[in-house]
Amino acid sequence: MTTEFELDLGGGRTLHLYDTGPGRGGRLPVIWHHGTPNVGAPPEPLFAAADRLGLRWVSYDRPGYGGSAPAPGRDIASGAACAAAVADALCIERFAVVGHSGGAPHALACAALLPDRVVGTVAIASLAPYDADALDWYAGMTDSGVASLRAAAAGREAKERHEASGAEYDPEFTPADLAALAGPWSWFGKVVGPAVAAGPGGLIDDDLAYVRPWGFDPARVTAPILLHGGRDRVVPASHSEWLARHCPGAELRLTPEDGHISVLTGAADALALLRERAT
């Protein structure tokens, strides 16, 4: 059972939280960082694996999504402050982090900026920093993705115009992605629909954050588990390959036939490794 509640950060700032509950003793809290555009409900397709491994899902809507107040100008590093506030509110001292797609850089921020609290990190289909050296950042992305992110790189007004123009975004999902979305990962309909229905505000703030300085150095992230599909056209695998070269002790699990969604079918194995390392 997932409990939802509001966390008052003061100054008119709020976060909408989700918690699957402490349950039996010894469960490792895992803070889930959601993608773009999603709300932050924890990933139901991974609940069975989490129960088997003794994991407790905790998550939140990033500012501007769902029940969380907007925070215009937020950077990726702000994900660490949000995660710390969530953990403090739930009296959690140490926790692991897992992020998919746009949530993955926010998970990496937690690992870099909260090293005394984060016991393990899984980043699935993560972007690399926009200023990553020796990386052609847009190479391999869909044309619509390039247009959307180039608009963000041009600034808020350009990004808002792009979203208001009615330009369609085509993720060019692979057959494996479509099969995953027709199966357990149809769950995405529960988290994408409400995010999109509420307007583009959260997405705009996310995309602006991806193409600005992140506020931390990925080299400070130690031993992350990186998952990526070789056929991902939303976030090309070259991004995780760059992270694997720059994060000490990183383990890259590249599955050549997976896309942006189907790569999540390997997430249960990554959770098992995460649990093992955090013990």
C-alpha atoms as a PDB file:
ATOM      1  CA  MET A   1       0.000   0.000   0.000  1.00  0.00           C
ATOM      2  CA  THR A   2       1.314   3.434  -0.931  1.00  0.00           C
ATOM      3  CA  THR A   3       0.635   6.387   1.361  1.00  0.00           C
ATOM      4  CA  GLU A   4       0.631   9.919  -0.055  1.00  0.00           C
ATOM      5  CA  PHE A   5       1.039  13.135   1.892  1.00  0.00           C
ATOM      6  CA  GLU A   6       2.283  16.706   1.621  1.00  0.00           C
ATOM      7  CA  LEU A   7       5.580  17.979   3.009  1.00  0.00           C
ATOM      8  CA  ASP A   8       5.722  21.679   3.845  1.00  0.00           C
ATOM      9  CA  LEU A   9       9.205  23.030   3.142  1.00  0.00           C
ATOM     10  CA  GLY A  10       8.312  26.555   4.249  1.00  0.00           C
ATOM     11  CA  GLY A  11       8.062  29.717   2.209  1.00  0.00           C
ATOM     12  CA  GLY A  12       5.183  28.338   0.176  1.00  0.00           C
ATOM     13  CA  ARG A  13       7.232  25.379  -1.020  1.00  0.00           C
ATOM     14  CA  THR A  14       5.651  21.923  -0.816  1.00  0.00           C
ATOM     15  CA  LEU A  15       6.485  18.420  -1.993  1.00  0.00           C
ATOM     16  CA  HIS A  16       3.987  15.642  -2.605  1.00  0.00           C
ATOM     17  CA  LEU A  17       5.395  12.414  -1.134  1.00  0.00           C
ATOM     18  CA  TYR A  18       4.751   8.697  -1.646  1.00  0.00           C
ATOM     19  CA  ASP A  19       5.789   5.927   0.769  1.00  0.00           C
ATOM     20  CA  THR A  20       5.179   2.188   0.574  1.00  0.00           C
ATOM     21  CA  GLY A  21       5.793   2.094   4.340  1.00  0.00           C
ATOM     22  CA  PRO A  22       8.464   0.625   6.600  1.00  0.00           C
ATOM     23  CA  GLY A  23       6.603  -2.684   6.964  1.00  0.00           C
ATOM     24  CA  ARG A  24       8.844  -5.409   8.277  1.00  0.00           C
ATOM     25  CA  GLY A  25      12.061  -4.368  10.007  1.00  0.00           C
ATOM     26  CA  GLY A  26      15.253  -4.087   8.008  1.00  0.00           C
ATOM     27  CA  ARG A  27      13.748  -2.832   4.759  1.00  0.00           C
ATOM     28  CA  LEU A  28      16.147  -0.593   2.850  1.00  0.00           C
ATOM     29  CA  PRO A  29      14.546   2.729   1.815  1.00  0.00           C
ATOM     30  CA  VAL A  30      14.960   3.486  -1.893  1.00  0.00           C
ATOM     31  CA  ILE A  31      14.098   6.943  -3.176  1.00  0.00           C
ATOM     32  CA  TRP A  32      12.697   6.785  -6.720  1.00  0.00           C
ATOM     33  CA  HIS A  33      13.375   9.708  -9.078  1.00  0.00           C
ATOM     34  CA  HIS A  34      10.815   9.857 -11.868  1.00  0.00           C
ATOM     35  CA  GLY A  35      11.223  10.653 -15.536  1.00  0.00           C
ATOM     36  CA  THR A  36      10.023  13.534 -17.729  1.00  0.00           C
ATOM     37  CA  PRO A  37       7.102  14.174 -17.833  1.00  0.00           C
ATOM     38  CA  ASN A  38       5.868  11.939 -14.983  1.00  0.00           C
ATOM     39  CA  VAL A  39       4.468  12.329 -11.522  1.00  0.00           C
ATOM     40  CA  GLY A  40       6.461  10.644  -8.806  1.00  0.00           C
ATOM     41  CA  ALA A  41       4.459   7.555  -7.812  1.00  0.00           C
ATOM     42  CA  PRO A  42       6.911   4.683  -7.173  1.00  0.00           C
ATOM     43  CA  PRO A  43       7.264   2.020  -9.898  1.00  0.00           C
ATOM     44  CA  GLU A  44       4.538  -0.582  -9.390  1.00  0.00           C
ATOM     45  CA  PRO A  45       6.115  -3.079 -11.836  1.00  0.00           C
ATOM     46  CA  LEU A  46       9.068  -3.335  -9.421  1.00  0.00           C
ATOM     47  CA  PHE A  47       6.998  -3.750  -6.239  1.00  0.00           C
ATOM     48  CA  ALA A  48       7.253  -7.559  -6.230  1.00  0.00           C
ATOM     49  CA  ALA A  49      11.026  -7.460  -6.630  1.00  0.00           C
ATOM     50  CA  ALA A  50      11.277  -4.831  -3.903  1.00  0.00           C
ATOM     51  CA  ASP A  51       9.209  -6.949  -1.501  1.00  0.00           C
ATOM     52  CA  ARG A  52      11.370  -9.978  -2.222  1.00  0.00           C
ATOM     53  CA  LEU A  53      14.553  -7.982  -1.620  1.00  0.00           C
ATOM     54  CA  GLY A  54      13.340  -6.092   1.430  1.00  0.00           C
ATOM     55  CA  LEU A  55      13.162  -2.644  -0.161  1.00  0.00           C
ATOM     56  CA  ARG A  56      10.866   0.256   0.744  1.00  0.00           C
ATOM     57  CA  TRP A  57       9.935   2.648  -2.037  1.00  0.00           C
ATOM     58  CA  VAL A  58       9.838   6.356  -1.187  1.00  0.00           C
ATOM     59  CA  SER A  59       9.348   9.054  -3.824  1.00  0.00           C
ATOM     60  CA  TYR A  60       8.063  12.535  -4.538  1.00  0.00           C
ATOM     61  CA  ASP A  61       6.732  14.689  -7.352  1.00  0.00           C
ATOM     62  CA  ARG A  62       9.545  16.940  -8.563  1.00  0.00           C
ATOM     63  CA  PRO A  63       8.683  20.640  -8.181  1.00  0.00           C
ATOM     64  CA  GLY A  64       6.160  21.640 -10.810  1.00  0.00           C
ATOM     65  CA  TYR A  65       4.656  18.165 -11.138  1.00  0.00           C
ATOM     66  CA  GLY A  66       1.594  16.716  -9.443  1.00  0.00           C
ATOM     67  CA  GLY A  67       1.154  18.063  -5.936  1.00  0.00           C
ATOM     68  CA  SER A  68       4.576  19.704  -5.621  1.00  0.00           C
ATOM     69  CA  ALA A  69       4.859  23.472  -5.924  1.00  0.00           C
ATOM     70  CA  PRO A  70       6.895  24.781  -8.877  1.00  0.00           C
ATOM     71  CA  ALA A  71      10.457  25.943  -8.304  1.00  0.00           C
ATOM     72  CA  PRO A  72      11.446  27.825 -11.476  1.00  0.00           C
ATOM     73  CA  GLY A  73      15.175  27.837 -12.061  1.00  0.00           C
ATOM     74  CA  ARG A  74      15.800  24.607 -10.155  1.00  0.00           C
ATOM     75  CA  ASP A  75      18.897  22.679 -11.174  1.00  0.00           C
ATOM     76  CA  ILE A  76      19.663  18.964 -11.098  1.00  0.00           C
ATOM     77  CA  ALA A  77      21.498  19.345  -7.787  1.00  0.00           C
ATOM     78  CA  SER A  78      18.223  20.429  -6.191  1.00  0.00           C
ATOM     79  CA  GLY A  79      17.153  16.788  -6.367  1.00  0.00           C
ATOM     80  CA  ALA A  80      19.570  16.066  -3.531  1.00  0.00           C
ATOM     81  CA  ALA A  81      18.002  18.738  -1.317  1.00  0.00           C
ATOM     82  CA  CYS A  82      14.527  17.369  -2.066  1.00  0.00           C
ATOM     83  CA  ALA A  83      15.599  13.804  -1.314  1.00  0.00           C
ATOM     84  CA  ALA A  84      17.211  14.873   1.955  1.00  0.00           C
ATOM     85  CA  ALA A  85      14.047  16.713   2.994  1.00  0.00           C
ATOM     86  CA  VAL A  86      11.939  13.657   2.166  1.00  0.00           C
ATOM     87  CA  ALA A  87      14.240  11.347   4.114  1.00  0.00           C
ATOM     88  CA  ASP A  88      14.312  13.700   7.100  1.00  0.00           C
ATOM     89  CA  ALA A  89      10.516  13.905   7.146  1.00  0.00           C
ATOM     90  CA  LEU A  90      10.315  10.109   7.283  1.00  0.00           C
ATOM     91  CA  CYS A  91      13.146   9.782   9.862  1.00  0.00           C
ATOM     92  CA  ILE A  92      15.305   7.928   7.329  1.00  0.00           C
ATOM     93  CA  GLU A  93      19.035   8.364   7.808  1.00  0.00           C
ATOM     94  CA  ARG A  94      20.485   6.304   4.959  1.00  0.00           C
ATOM     95  CA  PHE A  95      18.902   5.261   1.691  1.00  0.00           C
ATOM     96  CA  ALA A  96      19.549   4.144  -1.873  1.00  0.00           C
ATOM     97  CA  VAL A  97      18.458   6.045  -4.978  1.00  0.00           C
ATOM     98  CA  VAL A  98      17.063   4.843  -8.301  1.00  0.00           C
ATOM     99  CA  GLY A  99      16.182   7.058 -11.256  1.00  0.00           C
ATOM    100  CA  HIS A 100      14.933   6.454 -14.778  1.00  0.00           C
ATOM    101  CA  SER A 101      15.397   8.802 -17.745  1.00  0.00           C
ATOM    102  CA  GLY A 102      15.089  12.399 -16.508  1.00  0.00           C
ATOM    103  CA  GLY A 103      15.102  11.117 -12.945  1.00  0.00           C
ATOM    104  CA  ALA A 104      18.473   9.425 -13.319  1.00  0.00           C
ATOM    105  CA  PRO A 105      20.589  12.621 -13.184  1.00  0.00           C
ATOM    106  CA  HIS A 106      18.670  13.591 -10.034  1.00  0.00           C
ATOM    107  CA  ALA A 107      19.578  10.230  -8.495  1.00  0.00           C
ATOM    108  CA  LEU A 108      23.213  10.863  -9.414  1.00  0.00           C
ATOM    109  CA  ALA A 109      22.981  14.276  -7.711  1.00  0.00           C
ATOM    110  CA  CYS A 110      21.972  12.559  -4.474  1.00  0.00           C
ATOM    111  CA  ALA A 111      24.924  10.195  -4.673  1.00  0.00           C
ATOM    112  CA  ALA A 112      27.356  13.051  -5.357  1.00  0.00           C
ATOM    113  CA  LEU A 113      26.046  15.524  -2.792  1.00  0.00           C
ATOM    114  CA  LEU A 114      24.843  13.197  -0.010  1.00  0.00           C
ATOM    115  CA  PRO A 115      27.685  10.644   0.143  1.00  0.00           C
ATOM    116  CA  ASP A 116      27.191   9.982   3.856  1.00  0.00           C
ATOM    117  CA  ARG A 117      23.534   9.078   3.337  1.00  0.00           C
ATOM    118  CA  VAL A 118      23.307   7.360  -0.058  1.00  0.00           C
ATOM    119  CA  VAL A 119      24.309   3.692   0.131  1.00  0.00           C
ATOM    120  CA  GLY A 120      23.808   2.806  -3.530  1.00  0.00           C
ATOM    121  CA  THR A 121      22.733   4.247  -6.874  1.00  0.00           C
ATOM    122  CA  VAL A 122      20.982   2.917  -9.979  1.00  0.00           C
ATOM    123  CA  ALA A 123      20.719   5.292 -12.951  1.00  0.00           C
ATOM    124  CA  ILE A 124      18.635   3.953 -15.841  1.00  0.00           C
ATOM    125  CA  ALA A 125      18.846   5.599 -19.277  1.00  0.00           C
ATOM    126  CA  SER A 126      20.529   8.683 -17.823  1.00  0.00           C
ATOM    127  CA  LEU A 127      21.539  11.830 -19.587  1.00  0.00           C
ATOM    128  CA  ALA A 128      25.110  13.045 -19.221  1.00  0.00           C
ATOM    129  CA  PRO A 129      25.830  16.695 -18.378  1.00  0.00           C
ATOM    130  CA  TYR A 130      25.189  19.115 -21.236  1.00  0.00           C
ATOM    131  CA  ASP A 131      28.795  20.328 -21.073  1.00  0.00           C
ATOM    132  CA  ALA A 132      30.254  16.800 -21.019  1.00  0.00           C
ATOM    133  CA  ASP A 133      33.665  16.836 -22.643  1.00  0.00           C
ATOM    134  CA  ALA A 134      34.193  14.730 -25.782  1.00  0.00           C
ATOM    135  CA  LEU A 135      30.488  13.840 -26.048  1.00  0.00           C
ATOM    136  CA  ASP A 136      28.277  14.778 -28.995  1.00  0.00           C
ATOM    137  CA  TRP A 137      25.329  15.340 -26.669  1.00  0.00           C
ATOM    138  CA  TYR A 138      22.552  15.283 -29.290  1.00  0.00           C
ATOM    139  CA  ALA A 139      23.961  12.475 -31.447  1.00  0.00           C
ATOM    140  CA  GLY A 140      21.496   9.606 -31.833  1.00  0.00           C
ATOM    141  CA  MET A 141      18.478  11.433 -30.366  1.00  0.00           C
ATOM    142  CA  THR A 142      15.183  11.643 -32.210  1.00  0.00           C
ATOM    143  CA  ASP A 143      14.719  14.775 -34.296  1.00  0.00           C
ATOM    144  CA  SER A 144      11.833  15.880 -32.078  1.00  0.00           C
ATOM    145  CA  GLY A 145      13.941  15.374 -28.962  1.00  0.00           C
ATOM    146  CA  VAL A 146      16.756  17.453 -30.404  1.00  0.00           C
ATOM    147  CA  ALA A 147      14.337  20.260 -31.273  1.00  0.00           C
ATOM    148  CA  SER A 148      12.836  20.225 -27.781  1.00  0.00           C
ATOM    149  CA  LEU A 149      16.164  20.305 -25.969  1.00  0.00           C
ATOM    150  CA  ARG A 150      17.724  22.864 -28.320  1.00  0.00           C
ATOM    151  CA  ALA A 151      14.772  25.099 -27.504  1.00  0.00           C
ATOM    152  CA  ALA A 152      15.569  24.652 -23.812  1.00  0.00           C
ATOM    153  CA  ALA A 153      19.210  25.500 -24.466  1.00  0.00           C
ATOM    154  CA  ALA A 154      18.028  28.773 -26.019  1.00  0.00           C
ATOM    155  CA  GLY A 155      16.334  29.765 -22.748  1.00  0.00           C
ATOM    156  CA  ARG A 156      12.976  29.682 -20.997  1.00  0.00           C
ATOM    157  CA  GLU A 157      11.120  31.876 -23.489  1.00  0.00           C
ATOM    158  CA  ALA A 158      12.239  29.737 -26.427  1.00  0.00           C
ATOM    159  CA  LYS A 159      11.308  26.564 -24.584  1.00  0.00           C
ATOM    160  CA  GLU A 160       7.876  27.918 -23.656  1.00  0.00           C
ATOM    161  CA  ARG A 161       7.288  28.916 -27.279  1.00  0.00           C
ATOM    162  CA  HIS A 162       8.276  25.441 -28.411  1.00  0.00           C
ATOM    163  CA  GLU A 163       5.836  23.785 -26.022  1.00  0.00           C
ATOM    164  CA  ALA A 164       3.056  26.211 -26.985  1.00  0.00           C
ATOM    165  CA  SER A 165       3.622  25.595 -30.698  1.00  0.00           C
ATOM    166  CA  GLY A 166       1.996  22.173 -30.627  1.00  0.00           C
ATOM    167  CA  ALA A 167       5.186  20.483 -31.825  1.00  0.00           C
ATOM    168  CA  GLU A 168       4.777  16.745 -31.415  1.00  0.00           C
ATOM    169  CA  TYR A 169       7.356  14.664 -29.575  1.00  0.00           C
ATOM    170  CA  ASP A 170       8.051  11.232 -31.067  1.00  0.00           C
ATOM    171  CA  PRO A 171      10.185   9.012 -28.801  1.00  0.00           C
ATOM    172  CA  GLU A 172      10.601   6.477 -31.630  1.00  0.00           C
ATOM    173  CA  PHE A 173       9.991   3.592 -29.258  1.00  0.00           C
ATOM    174  CA  THR A 174      11.382   0.239 -30.362  1.00  0.00           C
ATOM    175  CA  PRO A 175       9.286  -2.939 -30.719  1.00  0.00           C
ATOM    176  CA  ALA A 176      10.721  -4.027 -27.362  1.00  0.00           C
ATOM    177  CA  ASP A 177       9.583  -0.735 -25.815  1.00  0.00           C
ATOM    178  CA  LEU A 178       6.075  -1.163 -27.202  1.00  0.00           C
ATOM    179  CA  ALA A 179       5.919  -4.715 -25.861  1.00  0.00           C
ATOM    180  CA  ALA A 180       6.958  -3.502 -22.408  1.00  0.00           C
ATOM    181  CA  LEU A 181       4.341  -0.733 -22.535  1.00  0.00           C
ATOM    182  CA  ALA A 182       1.692  -3.285 -23.490  1.00  0.00           C
ATOM    183  CA  GLY A 183       2.689  -5.400 -20.488  1.00  0.00           C
ATOM    184  CA  PRO A 184       3.724  -4.505 -16.928  1.00  0.00           C
ATOM    185  CA  TRP A 185       5.081  -1.107 -17.892  1.00  0.00           C
ATOM    186  CA  SER A 186       1.654   0.028 -19.030  1.00  0.00           C
ATOM    187  CA  TRP A 187       1.958   1.556 -15.539  1.00  0.00           C
ATOM    188  CA  PHE A 188       3.478   4.583 -17.272  1.00  0.00           C
ATOM    189  CA  GLY A 189      -0.042   5.600 -18.244  1.00  0.00           C
ATOM    190  CA  LYS A 190      -0.707   6.282 -14.561  1.00  0.00           C
ATOM    191  CA  VAL A 191       2.226   8.661 -14.170  1.00  0.00           C
ATOM    192  CA  VAL A 192       2.533  10.298 -17.597  1.00  0.00           C
ATOM    193  CA  GLY A 193      -1.161  11.105 -18.036  1.00  0.00           C
ATOM    194  CA  PRO A 194      -1.546  13.261 -14.892  1.00  0.00           C
ATOM    195  CA  ALA A 195       1.768  15.019 -15.562  1.00  0.00           C
ATOM    196  CA  VAL A 196       0.802  15.946 -19.127  1.00  0.00           C
ATOM    197  CA  ALA A 197      -2.759  16.894 -18.203  1.00  0.00           C
ATOM    198  CA  ALA A 198      -1.458  19.463 -15.712  1.00  0.00           C
ATOM    199  CA  GLY A 199       0.422  21.356 -18.418  1.00  0.00           C
ATOM    200  CA  PRO A 200       4.063  21.659 -19.499  1.00  0.00           C
ATOM    201  CA  GLY A 201       5.446  23.505 -16.469  1.00  0.00           C
ATOM    202  CA  GLY A 202       7.279  20.583 -14.903  1.00  0.00           C
ATOM    203  CA  LEU A 203       8.626  19.398 -18.246  1.00  0.00           C
ATOM    204  CA  ILE A 204       9.904  22.888 -19.084  1.00  0.00           C
ATOM    205  CA  ASP A 205      11.733  23.176 -15.757  1.00  0.00           C
ATOM    206  CA  ASP A 206      13.196  19.689 -16.226  1.00  0.00           C
ATOM    207  CA  ASP A 207      14.463  20.349 -19.749  1.00  0.00           C
ATOM    208  CA  LEU A 208      15.980  23.681 -18.739  1.00  0.00           C
ATOM    209  CA  ALA A 209      17.816  21.937 -15.899  1.00  0.00           C
ATOM    210  CA  TYR A 210      19.256  19.258 -18.201  1.00  0.00           C
ATOM    211  CA  VAL A 211      20.945  21.811 -20.470  1.00  0.00           C
ATOM    212  CA  ARG A 212      22.313  24.067 -17.719  1.00  0.00           C
ATOM    213  CA  PRO A 213      25.152  23.374 -15.275  1.00  0.00           C
ATOM    214  CA  TRP A 214      23.991  20.535 -13.047  1.00  0.00           C
ATOM    215  CA  GLY A 215      25.461  21.888  -9.812  1.00  0.00           C
ATOM    216  CA  PHE A 216      27.668  18.881  -9.079  1.00  0.00           C
ATOM    217  CA  ASP A 217      30.476  16.868 -10.611  1.00  0.00           C
ATOM    218  CA  PRO A 218      29.502  13.321 -11.693  1.00  0.00           C
ATOM    219  CA  ALA A 219      33.052  12.263 -10.799  1.00  0.00           C
ATOM    220  CA  ARG A 220      31.923  12.470  -7.164  1.00  0.00           C
ATOM    221  CA  VAL A 221      29.464   9.599  -7.739  1.00  0.00           C
ATOM    222  CA  THR A 222      31.044   6.359  -6.578  1.00  0.00           C
ATOM    223  CA  ALA A 223      30.120   2.935  -7.973  1.00  0.00           C
ATOM    224  CA  PRO A 224      26.767   3.662  -9.629  1.00  0.00           C
ATOM    225  CA  ILE A 225      24.957   0.905 -11.497  1.00  0.00           C
ATOM    226  CA  LEU A 226      24.169   2.248 -14.970  1.00  0.00           C
ATOM    227  CA  LEU A 227      21.555   0.584 -17.195  1.00  0.00           C
ATOM    228  CA  HIS A 228      21.001   1.593 -20.802  1.00  0.00           C
ATOM    229  CA  GLY A 229      19.420   0.199 -23.946  1.00  0.00           C
ATOM    230  CA  GLY A 230      21.550   0.211 -27.047  1.00  0.00           C
ATOM    231  CA  ARG A 231      18.589   1.230 -29.232  1.00  0.00           C
ATOM    232  CA  ASP A 232      17.444   4.110 -27.020  1.00  0.00           C
ATOM    233  CA  ARG A 233      16.671   7.186 -29.150  1.00  0.00           C
ATOM    234  CA  VAL A 234      15.298   9.282 -26.287  1.00  0.00           C
ATOM    235  CA  VAL A 235      18.616   9.253 -24.421  1.00  0.00           C
ATOM    236  CA  PRO A 236      21.329   7.573 -26.488  1.00  0.00           C
ATOM    237  CA  ALA A 237      23.509   5.009 -24.748  1.00  0.00           C
ATOM    238  CA  SER A 238      26.570   7.192 -25.359  1.00  0.00           C
ATOM    239  CA  HIS A 239      25.419   9.243 -22.360  1.00  0.00           C
ATOM    240  CA  SER A 240      25.717   6.315 -19.931  1.00  0.00           C
ATOM    241  CA  GLU A 241      28.965   5.284 -21.591  1.00  0.00           C
ATOM    242  CA  TRP A 242      30.315   8.766 -20.808  1.00  0.00           C
ATOM    243  CA  LEU A 243      29.114   8.500 -17.201  1.00  0.00           C
ATOM    244  CA  ALA A 244      30.741   5.077 -16.860  1.00  0.00           C
ATOM    245  CA  ARG A 245      34.077   6.598 -17.851  1.00  0.00           C
ATOM    246  CA  HIS A 246      33.764   9.454 -15.361  1.00  0.00           C
ATOM    247  CA  CYS A 247      32.135   7.913 -12.263  1.00  0.00           C
ATOM    248  CA  PRO A 248      34.653   5.912 -10.196  1.00  0.00           C
ATOM    249  CA  GLY A 249      33.771   2.240  -9.928  1.00  0.00           C
ATOM    250  CA  ALA A 250      30.751   2.535 -12.231  1.00  0.00           C
ATOM    251  CA  GLU A 251      29.188  -0.636 -13.603  1.00  0.00           C
ATOM    252  CA  LEU A 252      27.580  -0.203 -17.026  1.00  0.00           C
ATOM    253  CA  ARG A 253      25.019  -2.791 -18.112  1.00  0.00           C
ATOM    254  CA  LEU A 254      24.316  -2.096 -21.782  1.00  0.00           C
ATOM    255  CA  THR A 255      21.640  -4.243 -23.425  1.00  0.00           C
ATOM    256  CA  PRO A 256      21.988  -3.818 -27.192  1.00  0.00           C
ATOM    257  CA  GLU A 257      18.382  -4.606 -28.209  1.00  0.00           C
ATOM    258  CA  ASP A 258      16.619  -2.544 -25.542  1.00  0.00           C
ATOM    259  CA  GLY A 259      15.110   0.887 -25.932  1.00  0.00           C
ATOM    260  CA  HIS A 260      14.160   3.596 -23.475  1.00  0.00           C
ATOM    261  CA  ILE A 261      11.372   1.610 -21.782  1.00  0.00           C
ATOM    262  CA  SER A 262      12.305  -2.038 -22.288  1.00  0.00           C
ATOM    263  CA  VAL A 263      15.609  -1.461 -20.472  1.00  0.00           C
ATOM    264  CA  LEU A 264      13.490  -1.374 -17.306  1.00  0.00           C
ATOM    265  CA  THR A 265      12.888  -5.107 -17.641  1.00  0.00           C
ATOM    266  CA  GLY A 266      16.406  -5.533 -16.265  1.00  0.00           C
ATOM    267  CA  ALA A 267      15.812  -3.243 -13.301  1.00  0.00           C
ATOM    268  CA  ALA A 268      14.910  -6.074 -10.889  1.00  0.00           C
ATOM    269  CA  ASP A 269      18.390  -7.574 -11.328  1.00  0.00           C
ATOM    270  CA  ALA A 270      19.914  -4.160 -10.685  1.00  0.00           C
ATOM    271  CA  LEU A 271      17.853  -3.841  -7.498  1.00  0.00           C
ATOM    272  CA  ALA A 272      19.213  -7.193  -6.311  1.00  0.00           C
ATOM    273  CA  LEU A 273      22.755  -5.973  -6.847  1.00  0.00           C
ATOM    274  CA  LEU A 274      21.915  -2.712  -5.143  1.00  0.00           C
ATOM    275  CA  ARG A 275      20.566  -4.595  -2.122  1.00  0.00           C
ATOM    276  CA  GLU A 276      23.643  -6.790  -1.978  1.00  0.00           C
ATOM    277  CA  ARG A 277      26.018  -3.850  -2.030  1.00  0.00           C
ATOM    278  CA  ALA A 278      24.040  -1.919   0.568  1.00  0.00           C
ATOM    279  CA  THR A 279      24.058  -4.780   3.088  1.00  0.00           C
END
